Structures are given as C-alpha cells and as structure tokens.
C-alpha cells in the first residue's frame, strides 16, 4: 500500500506550482466586483467578461456551486490556468460505516453528526490521549472516546472557552459513559499550549487564529499527532495573513482569505433571499455614496440584519446617517439599480470564485508544509464530500 503521507519535498513542489498559478491569476481574483464596476481584467479579457455577463441566472447559480466547472471555464478563456484543476485535486478518504445514532447525539443535526463521523474516521487510531481543541459541547471528543474505551489512548480532554458548553458536554459524556473531561480555557491563551504536550490534538472546523495557535502550539510542544480541518481562515487579528512558511510568495488580506471559504451548500432558500436583498441594498448604497464623492472601495461596518425589516428607504436613510452622509431623499429607481448591480456582480464574481478552492488548498499546503518542516509526516486529503461540508480538508500529522 502506498504511503498516504507526503514528503516535505512533494508538499513544497505542490505549493510552489499552485502559488505560481495564483500569482499569475491575481488580476482576476484580487479585485472584488462588489467594489469595482468593471475590474481591469474585463478590458484585458473582453471575451471572458462578455461570456460571464451574458449568462442566464440558472447558469450563474450552477457555476457558483461547482469549483471544477469554474476552473474549467477560466481555463477556456485563459489556457495558462488549465493546470489549476490538477493542482487542487486531493484524495478522498473512504466514508465511515453507517451506524445507529446514540441517544446522546439525537439533538445533533444529521449533517453535523455526519461531518463529525467522517472526520473521526479520517483520524483513525489515536496515537496518544486526545486533546479536542475548541471543543464546543465535545461531540467529536465523545465519539473518539466511545469506541476506543478502554484502550491505551486514555481519556479525551476537551478544551472550550464557554463554561456552559463545557457543562453540557460533561453531562453528555456522563450519559454516554465515556472517558471525557472538559477544561474551561481560551485556545489563544499561553496557558493552553502545555495541554498539547504528549497528546493527539484534534480540531474540526477551528477558525483562523484558533487553528493557527493549535499548529504553533503542537510544534512547540512536539505533540505526537494532530488532525485538523481548518475553517474561516479570515478570522485573524492581523489585517493580513503572513504565511507560516517565510519562503511563500503570497500574502493575503482578510477579504482575500474570506474568498477561500465563500462556498456554501447548506443555506436555505429564505437565507439566500435575505442574503441577496442585503447585498443588493448595499450595492445601491455604494452607488448612491459614490454620487456623494466617496470611493466605492471604501469599506463600512457591517449592517445589522434587523435593519432589513424596515424597508429599503428607511434602511438607506439609517445607514447614511450612521456613515455621516446627507439624507438620501426619495428615488424610486435606487433600489432597482442595486438589484441590477447585484446581477452584474454575481456574474463577474465567477472569475474570482474560480480561485476559491485553489486559495484554500494553498492555505492548507502552507499549514501542511509548516508541520512537515518541523518533523511531522503529513497527509492532506478530503475527509468527506463537499455536499456534506465545503470545508472538507483534513490535515493529518504524525511524528
């Protein structure tokens, strides 16, 4: 059987090749059509822009949810991008066997429970007593503790900052009769790092700085094993992401980090309608604000979702007042302009979304290479289908 763990050299070669494609494609994915009427690439590749702007709504919806189709379309107009698909292909782990849902897990949604089981299946045998990082109620830790009792791996320790979640997790562990204890603590605090010594760290969908703290702490304390599914790379305190490997040639803003995780397959129709309305109204605001001499690229604070219930005119007036701008007055065409802009943005944004998965793979490779350079054997794979969760990357590291 082939060794599933990659060498440092192969990880470096893969990151370097993907990075070259991302650097070449910067004019397409760095500008955000939300803030620019026509990004510069539209003039450089008019055929591509015209094709996207001419797409029917159904085609836009289909393409937005299909990373492979997006990359293939980009390569059709820019042949130099053809290797993107190969550079982002990863092995898919075998799904775990279907088992009956334990009583203590019946309040966990079916999708979430399936994600947990798929991730646990990818973890395989524990190399040491487990530490569940950012545990929540400890559903993953409880699953890892259950079928392995009583083995050499010992008790699962679950680290969580919310005392209420710790209390509920401890209650569920007691009901399930598994060896799992909870530690109330901040994963970003220095006192959490010693917990990684001698433990097999696991983290399912730990965000930004939380999983970066895990990676650095595991290296510092030489944890024997680590399994991580990263999520929300943009949730970092710094304004820009500095790669873990200093020889990387790509630096990303928080907005560009957000691009890597824009894919979603779980939003319902009502949520999508509300999201679209919020975007259309924001675009209408940007156009009106531009008439006041303010650049479209100037950011503004998030708008409370509750404001949407007031109607467009009241929403716009309230936002203008908050931003220190004059009363907008009444213009019946202003909202319609926002919806027209949204239709354009949705289409031009497809060129940017073609780099969504490549950016995420690059970020995962940065993490994998960091671990490999600190003495770990590392595997990068998909632990489940994207229909279960688009954040389906598993970084497994063993000393």
Protein backbone atom coordinates (compact mmCIF):
# COMPACT_ATOMS: atom_id res chain seq x y z
CA UNK A 1 0.00 0.00 0.00
CA UNK A 2 1.32 3.44 -0.93
CA UNK A 3 2.30 5.72 1.93
CA UNK A 4 -0.52 8.32 2.26
CA UNK A 5 1.85 10.79 3.91
CA UNK A 6 3.60 13.31 1.69
CA UNK A 7 7.27 14.23 1.82
CA UNK A 8 8.39 17.77 2.56
CA UNK A 9 9.74 17.98 -0.98
CA UNK A 10 6.43 16.95 -2.57
CA UNK A 11 4.46 19.41 -0.45
CA UNK A 12 6.87 22.20 -1.37
CA UNK A 13 6.65 21.34 -5.08
CA UNK A 14 2.87 21.32 -4.95
CA UNK A 15 2.67 24.62 -3.09
CA UNK A 16 5.16 26.24 -5.45
CA UNK A 17 3.25 25.13 -8.54
CA UNK A 18 -0.10 26.26 -7.19
CA UNK A 19 1.37 29.53 -5.97
CA UNK A 20 2.67 30.32 -9.46
CA UNK A 21 -0.83 29.89 -10.88
CA UNK A 22 -2.35 32.06 -8.16
CA UNK A 23 0.20 34.79 -8.76
CA UNK A 24 -0.48 34.66 -12.49
CA UNK A 25 -4.23 34.90 -11.83
CA UNK A 26 -4.03 37.80 -9.36
CA UNK A 27 -5.71 40.28 -11.72
CA UNK A 28 -8.81 38.07 -11.68
CA UNK A 29 -9.15 37.20 -8.00
CA UNK A 30 -7.74 40.18 -6.11
CA UNK A 31 -10.23 42.84 -7.39
CA UNK A 32 -13.73 42.46 -5.91
CA UNK A 33 -16.55 43.26 -8.40
CA UNK A 34 -18.63 44.30 -5.39
CA UNK A 35 -16.42 47.39 -5.09
CA UNK A 36 -15.45 47.88 -8.75
CA UNK A 37 -17.90 48.43 -11.59
CA UNK A 38 -15.55 46.77 -14.07
CA UNK A 39 -12.33 45.24 -12.77
CA UNK A 40 -9.35 45.85 -15.07
CA UNK A 41 -9.32 42.24 -16.25
CA UNK A 42 -12.60 42.87 -18.11
CA UNK A 43 -10.71 45.06 -20.59
CA UNK A 44 -7.81 42.61 -20.77
CA UNK A 45 -10.11 39.62 -21.41
CA UNK A 46 -13.24 41.05 -23.03
CA UNK A 47 -14.43 37.68 -24.33
CA UNK A 48 -14.41 36.20 -20.83
CA UNK A 49 -16.22 39.22 -19.36
CA UNK A 50 -18.85 39.21 -22.13
CA UNK A 51 -19.46 35.50 -21.66
CA UNK A 52 -20.00 35.87 -17.91
CA UNK A 53 -22.25 38.91 -18.24
CA UNK A 54 -24.39 37.03 -20.77
CA UNK A 55 -25.06 34.01 -18.55
CA UNK A 56 -28.62 33.10 -17.58
CA UNK A 57 -29.49 33.09 -13.87
CA UNK A 58 -29.61 29.29 -13.73
CA UNK A 59 -26.11 29.00 -15.21
CA UNK A 60 -24.77 31.54 -12.70
CA UNK A 61 -26.26 29.56 -9.83
CA UNK A 62 -24.88 26.27 -11.16
CA UNK A 63 -21.38 27.61 -11.76
CA UNK A 64 -21.20 29.34 -8.37
CA UNK A 65 -21.57 25.94 -6.69
CA UNK A 66 -19.17 23.97 -8.90
CA UNK A 67 -15.47 24.64 -8.36
CA UNK A 68 -14.41 22.29 -11.13
CA UNK A 69 -16.70 23.96 -13.68
CA UNK A 70 -15.45 27.41 -12.64
CA UNK A 71 -11.81 26.41 -13.16
CA UNK A 72 -12.63 24.77 -16.49
CA UNK A 73 -14.42 27.91 -17.69
CA UNK A 74 -11.50 30.12 -16.64
CA UNK A 75 -9.07 27.84 -18.49
CA UNK A 76 -11.24 28.02 -21.61
CA UNK A 77 -10.60 31.76 -21.88
CA UNK A 78 -7.16 31.76 -20.21
CA UNK A 79 -5.42 28.48 -21.20
CA UNK A 80 -2.48 29.17 -18.88
CA UNK A 81 -4.84 28.39 -15.97
CA UNK A 82 -5.57 24.86 -17.21
CA UNK A 83 -3.31 23.21 -14.54
CA UNK A 84 -5.46 24.64 -11.71
CA UNK A 85 -7.69 21.56 -11.63
CA UNK A 86 -4.76 19.15 -11.23
CA UNK A 87 -3.09 21.34 -8.63
CA UNK A 88 -6.21 21.32 -6.45
CA UNK A 89 -7.13 17.62 -6.75
CA UNK A 90 -6.84 15.71 -3.48
CA UNK A 91 -7.50 12.11 -2.44
CA UNK A 92 -10.89 11.42 -0.85
CA UNK A 93 -10.93 9.27 2.26
CA UNK A 94 -13.30 6.33 2.48
CA UNK A 95 -16.55 7.21 4.27
CA UNK A 96 -17.05 5.58 7.68
CA UNK A 97 -19.64 2.81 8.06
CA UNK A 98 -23.18 3.91 8.86
CA UNK A 99 -24.07 3.23 12.50
CA UNK A 100 -27.11 3.85 14.64
CA UNK A 101 -27.29 7.29 16.24
CA UNK A 102 -26.65 7.10 20.01
CA UNK A 103 -29.28 8.63 22.26
CA UNK A 104 -26.97 11.40 23.46
CA UNK A 105 -26.37 12.51 19.84
CA UNK A 106 -30.00 12.79 18.84
CA UNK A 107 -30.05 16.55 19.39
CA UNK A 108 -27.09 16.98 16.96
CA UNK A 109 -28.20 17.76 13.39
CA UNK A 110 -27.79 14.93 10.92
CA UNK A 111 -25.39 16.95 8.74
CA UNK A 112 -23.22 17.97 11.70
CA UNK A 113 -23.12 14.43 13.05
CA UNK A 114 -22.15 13.09 9.62
CA UNK A 115 -19.30 15.61 9.46
CA UNK A 116 -18.07 14.54 12.90
CA UNK A 117 -18.18 10.86 11.98
CA UNK A 118 -16.41 11.43 8.68
CA UNK A 119 -13.68 13.46 10.39
CA UNK A 120 -13.26 10.86 13.15
CA UNK A 121 -12.97 8.18 10.50
CA UNK A 122 -10.16 10.16 8.90
CA UNK A 123 -8.36 10.48 12.23
CA UNK A 124 -8.10 6.71 12.58
CA UNK A 125 -6.45 5.15 15.66
CA UNK A 126 -5.39 7.70 18.24
CA UNK A 127 -1.63 7.98 18.66
CA UNK A 128 -1.92 9.28 22.25
CA UNK A 129 -4.55 10.60 24.66
CA UNK A 130 -6.66 13.05 22.67
CA UNK A 131 -6.99 16.79 23.13
CA UNK A 132 -10.08 18.24 21.45
CA UNK A 133 -9.27 21.87 20.57
CA UNK A 134 -12.17 24.37 20.64
CA UNK A 135 -14.49 21.55 21.63
CA UNK A 136 -17.89 23.19 21.98
CA UNK A 137 -20.04 20.50 23.58
CA UNK A 138 -17.40 17.91 22.80
CA UNK A 139 -19.34 15.90 20.23
CA UNK A 140 -16.14 14.91 18.39
CA UNK A 141 -14.29 14.08 21.60
CA UNK A 142 -17.21 11.98 22.82
CA UNK A 143 -17.17 9.98 19.60
CA UNK A 144 -13.41 9.48 19.79
CA UNK A 145 -13.67 8.40 23.43
CA UNK A 146 -16.54 5.98 22.93
CA UNK A 147 -15.42 3.22 20.57
CA UNK A 148 -11.83 3.30 21.89
CA UNK A 149 -12.63 2.61 25.53
CA UNK A 150 -10.74 1.20 27.31
CA UNK A 151 -7.58 1.42 25.16
CA UNK A 152 -4.10 2.85 25.52
CA UNK A 153 -5.19 6.22 24.20
CA UNK A 154 -6.83 7.03 27.51
CA UNK A 155 -9.19 9.82 28.34
CA UNK A 156 -10.17 12.58 25.92
CA UNK A 157 -9.56 16.13 27.18
CA UNK A 158 -11.83 18.74 25.59
CA UNK A 159 -10.77 22.41 25.69
CA UNK A 160 -13.55 25.01 25.41
CA UNK A 161 -13.82 28.65 26.47
CA UNK A 162 -17.59 28.65 27.17
CA UNK A 163 -18.37 27.20 30.62
CA UNK A 164 -21.98 26.46 29.67
CA UNK A 165 -20.87 24.35 26.72
CA UNK A 166 -18.37 22.57 28.96
CA UNK A 167 -21.11 21.76 31.48
CA UNK A 168 -23.43 20.43 28.77
CA UNK A 169 -20.59 18.43 27.21
CA UNK A 170 -19.71 16.88 30.55
CA UNK A 171 -23.36 15.90 31.03
CA UNK A 172 -23.47 14.24 27.61
CA UNK A 173 -20.20 12.41 28.28
CA UNK A 174 -21.55 11.09 31.56
CA UNK A 175 -24.72 9.92 29.85
CA UNK A 176 -22.66 8.19 27.15
CA UNK A 177 -20.36 6.68 29.81
CA UNK A 178 -17.17 7.72 28.02
CA UNK A 179 -13.87 8.92 29.44
CA UNK A 180 -14.01 12.60 28.53
CA UNK A 181 -13.22 15.60 30.70
CA UNK A 182 -13.60 19.28 29.94
CA UNK A 183 -11.19 22.13 30.57
CA UNK A 184 -12.52 25.69 30.50
CA UNK A 185 -9.90 27.71 28.70
CA UNK A 186 -9.05 30.03 25.84
CA UNK A 187 -7.29 28.28 22.96
CA UNK A 188 -5.47 31.55 22.23
CA UNK A 189 -4.06 31.85 25.76
CA UNK A 190 -0.50 30.84 26.54
CA UNK A 191 -1.67 28.55 29.35
CA UNK A 192 -3.47 26.31 26.83
CA UNK A 193 -0.28 25.42 24.95
CA UNK A 194 1.11 22.98 27.59
CA UNK A 195 -2.02 20.85 27.18
CA UNK A 196 -0.71 19.79 23.76
CA UNK A 197 2.33 18.00 25.17
CA UNK A 198 2.00 14.25 24.76
CA UNK A 199 -1.48 14.47 23.25
CA UNK A 200 -3.07 13.72 19.90
CA UNK A 201 -4.70 17.05 19.04
CA UNK A 202 -7.93 17.12 17.03
CA UNK A 203 -9.90 20.12 15.79
CA UNK A 204 -12.90 20.05 13.49
CA UNK A 205 -13.59 23.44 11.88
CA UNK A 206 -11.43 25.57 14.15
CA UNK A 207 -11.33 29.12 12.82
CA UNK A 208 -8.40 31.33 11.83
CA UNK A 209 -6.21 32.28 14.77
CA UNK A 210 -7.62 29.38 16.80
CA UNK A 211 -6.23 26.72 14.49
CA UNK A 212 -3.02 28.71 13.90
CA UNK A 213 -2.48 28.68 17.67
CA UNK A 214 -3.02 24.91 17.60
CA UNK A 215 -0.43 24.42 14.86
CA UNK A 216 2.19 26.57 16.56
CA UNK A 217 1.48 25.04 19.96
CA UNK A 218 1.70 21.48 18.61
CA UNK A 219 5.09 22.25 17.07
CA UNK A 220 6.32 23.94 20.26
CA UNK A 221 5.23 21.06 22.49
CA UNK A 222 6.03 18.36 19.92
CA UNK A 223 2.59 16.81 20.03
CA UNK A 224 2.83 13.25 18.71
CA UNK A 225 -0.11 13.68 16.35
CA UNK A 226 -2.54 16.27 15.04
CA UNK A 227 -5.69 16.16 12.90
CA UNK A 228 -7.16 19.46 11.77
CA UNK A 229 -9.99 20.59 9.49
CA UNK A 230 -9.39 24.35 9.14
CA UNK A 231 -12.23 26.81 8.76
CA UNK A 232 -12.79 30.58 8.43
CA UNK A 233 -9.19 31.46 7.61
CA UNK A 234 -10.10 35.16 7.67
CA UNK A 235 -10.84 35.18 11.41
CA UNK A 236 -7.44 36.55 12.34
CA UNK A 237 -6.48 39.59 14.38
CA UNK A 238 -3.87 40.80 11.88
CA UNK A 239 -5.04 42.79 8.83
CA UNK A 240 -3.12 40.44 6.53
CA UNK A 241 -2.20 36.78 6.65
CA UNK A 242 1.50 36.17 6.96
CA UNK A 243 2.27 32.63 5.71
CA UNK A 244 3.63 30.13 8.19
CA UNK A 245 6.49 29.45 5.77
CA UNK A 246 8.66 32.52 5.17
CA UNK A 247 9.59 31.37 1.64
CA UNK A 248 5.95 31.62 0.49
CA UNK A 249 5.37 34.26 -2.16
CA UNK A 250 1.76 35.10 -1.44
CA UNK A 251 0.32 37.44 1.20
CA UNK A 252 -3.45 37.70 1.61
CA UNK A 253 -5.77 40.31 3.08
CA UNK A 254 -8.67 39.24 5.28
CA UNK A 255 -11.03 39.84 2.36
CA UNK A 256 -8.97 37.51 0.18
CA UNK A 257 -8.91 34.92 2.96
CA UNK A 258 -12.69 35.19 3.04
CA UNK A 259 -12.80 34.36 -0.67
CA UNK A 260 -11.33 30.93 0.11
CA UNK A 261 -14.39 29.98 2.18
CA UNK A 262 -17.24 31.68 0.34
CA UNK A 263 -18.64 28.38 -0.89
CA UNK A 264 -21.73 27.18 0.97
CA UNK A 265 -24.09 24.30 0.32
CA UNK A 266 -26.21 24.50 3.45
CA UNK A 267 -28.07 27.82 3.18
CA UNK A 268 -31.83 27.53 2.76
CA UNK A 269 -33.94 29.44 0.24
CA UNK A 270 -35.06 32.01 2.83
CA UNK A 271 -31.48 32.68 3.92
CA UNK A 272 -30.38 33.09 0.31
CA UNK A 273 -33.17 35.57 -0.39
CA UNK A 274 -32.25 37.62 2.66
CA UNK A 275 -28.57 37.50 1.72
CA UNK A 276 -29.33 38.67 -1.83
CA UNK A 277 -31.52 41.50 -0.60
CA UNK A 278 -28.82 42.67 1.80
CA UNK A 279 -26.22 42.62 -1.00
CA UNK A 280 -28.47 44.45 -3.47
CA UNK A 281 -29.22 47.17 -0.93
CA UNK A 282 -25.54 47.55 -0.06
CA UNK A 283 -24.71 47.90 -3.74
CA UNK A 284 -27.42 50.54 -4.07
CA UNK A 285 -25.83 52.34 -1.12
CA UNK A 286 -22.38 52.17 -2.73
CA UNK A 287 -23.73 53.71 -5.94
CA UNK A 288 -25.54 56.49 -4.08
CA UNK A 289 -22.49 57.07 -1.88
CA UNK A 290 -20.28 57.30 -4.99
CA UNK A 291 -22.52 60.15 -6.15
CA UNK A 292 -21.52 61.94 -2.94
CA UNK A 293 -17.86 61.65 -3.94
CA UNK A 294 -16.96 58.63 -1.78
CA UNK A 295 -14.94 55.86 -3.43
CA UNK A 296 -16.72 52.52 -3.87
CA UNK A 297 -13.68 50.78 -2.40
CA UNK A 298 -14.14 52.48 0.97
CA UNK A 299 -15.41 49.88 3.42
CA UNK A 300 -18.12 50.34 6.03
CA UNK A 301 -19.09 48.46 9.15
CA UNK A 302 -21.49 45.51 8.92
CA UNK A 303 -25.15 46.46 8.76
CA UNK A 304 -27.42 44.78 11.36
CA UNK A 305 -29.70 42.23 9.70
CA UNK A 306 -32.65 43.62 11.68
CA UNK A 307 -32.49 46.81 9.62
CA UNK A 308 -33.68 44.87 6.55
CA UNK A 309 -37.17 44.68 8.04
CA UNK A 310 -37.60 48.45 7.83
CA UNK A 311 -37.81 48.61 4.04
CA UNK A 312 -35.24 49.95 1.61
CA UNK A 313 -35.84 53.70 2.05
CA UNK A 314 -35.61 53.55 5.85
CA UNK A 315 -32.63 51.19 5.64
CA UNK A 316 -30.75 53.53 3.33
CA UNK A 317 -31.53 56.62 5.41
CA UNK A 318 -30.39 54.90 8.59
CA UNK A 319 -27.15 53.70 7.02
CA UNK A 320 -26.43 57.13 5.52
CA UNK A 321 -26.91 58.75 8.94
CA UNK A 322 -24.63 56.22 10.58
CA UNK A 323 -21.94 56.91 7.97
CA UNK A 324 -22.23 60.67 8.41
CA UNK A 325 -23.72 61.26 4.96
CA UNK A 326 -26.63 63.54 3.95
CA UNK A 327 -30.25 62.42 3.83
CA UNK A 328 -30.59 60.34 0.62
CA UNK A 329 -34.05 61.60 -0.31
CA UNK A 330 -36.52 59.57 -2.33
CA UNK A 331 -35.54 57.95 -5.62
CA UNK A 332 -37.75 55.05 -6.77
CA UNK A 333 -35.02 53.74 -9.11
CA UNK A 334 -32.30 53.48 -6.49
CA UNK A 335 -33.21 50.03 -5.18
CA UNK A 336 -33.65 48.69 -8.72
CA UNK A 337 -30.13 49.89 -9.51
CA UNK A 338 -28.85 47.83 -6.59
CA UNK A 339 -30.52 44.70 -7.96
CA UNK A 340 -29.06 45.33 -11.43
CA UNK A 341 -25.62 45.77 -9.91
CA UNK A 342 -26.08 42.53 -7.98
CA UNK A 343 -26.80 40.66 -11.23
CA UNK A 344 -23.56 42.03 -12.71
CA UNK A 345 -21.56 41.32 -9.57
CA UNK A 346 -22.81 37.73 -9.41
CA UNK A 347 -21.61 37.16 -12.98
CA UNK A 348 -18.25 38.95 -12.86
CA UNK A 349 -17.53 37.40 -9.47
CA UNK A 350 -17.44 33.96 -11.11
CA UNK A 351 -13.97 34.80 -12.43
CA UNK A 352 -12.89 35.41 -8.83
CA UNK A 353 -14.65 32.33 -7.48
CA UNK A 354 -12.66 30.13 -9.87
CA UNK A 355 -9.73 30.72 -7.49
CA UNK A 356 -11.72 29.96 -4.33
CA UNK A 357 -10.67 26.32 -3.97
CA UNK A 358 -7.09 26.92 -5.19
CA UNK A 359 -6.64 29.56 -2.48
CA UNK A 360 -7.99 27.22 0.16
CA UNK A 361 -5.69 24.41 -0.99
CA UNK A 362 -2.75 26.85 -0.92
CA UNK A 363 -3.60 27.82 2.66
CA UNK A 364 -3.83 24.14 3.64
CA UNK A 365 -0.49 23.44 1.95
CA UNK A 366 1.08 26.31 3.91
CA UNK A 367 -0.07 24.60 7.10
CA UNK A 368 0.95 21.12 5.96
CA UNK A 369 4.41 22.27 4.85
CA UNK A 370 4.92 24.08 8.17
CA UNK A 371 4.26 20.84 10.03
CA UNK A 372 6.44 18.79 7.68
CA UNK A 373 9.34 21.19 8.21
CA UNK A 374 9.00 20.65 11.95
CA UNK A 375 9.38 16.90 11.86
CA UNK A 376 5.90 15.61 11.05
CA UNK A 377 4.76 13.21 8.37
CA UNK A 378 1.75 14.96 6.84
CA UNK A 379 -1.27 13.89 4.82
CA UNK A 380 -3.64 16.30 3.11
CA UNK A 381 -6.96 14.84 1.96
CA UNK A 382 -10.71 15.41 1.75
CA UNK A 383 -12.49 13.67 4.62
CA UNK A 384 -15.98 13.95 3.12
CA UNK A 385 -17.89 15.10 0.07
CA UNK A 386 -18.37 18.87 -0.36
CA UNK A 387 -22.15 18.37 -0.21
CA UNK A 388 -21.69 17.48 3.45
CA UNK A 389 -19.42 20.48 4.08
CA UNK A 390 -17.29 22.55 1.69
CA UNK A 391 -14.71 22.81 4.48
CA UNK A 392 -13.73 19.19 3.94
CA UNK A 393 -9.91 19.40 4.09
CA UNK A 394 -8.14 17.22 6.65
CA UNK A 395 -4.54 17.87 7.63
CA UNK A 396 -3.16 14.82 9.45
CA UNK A 397 0.29 14.98 11.01
CA UNK A 398 2.26 12.26 12.80
CA UNK A 399 5.71 12.34 14.39
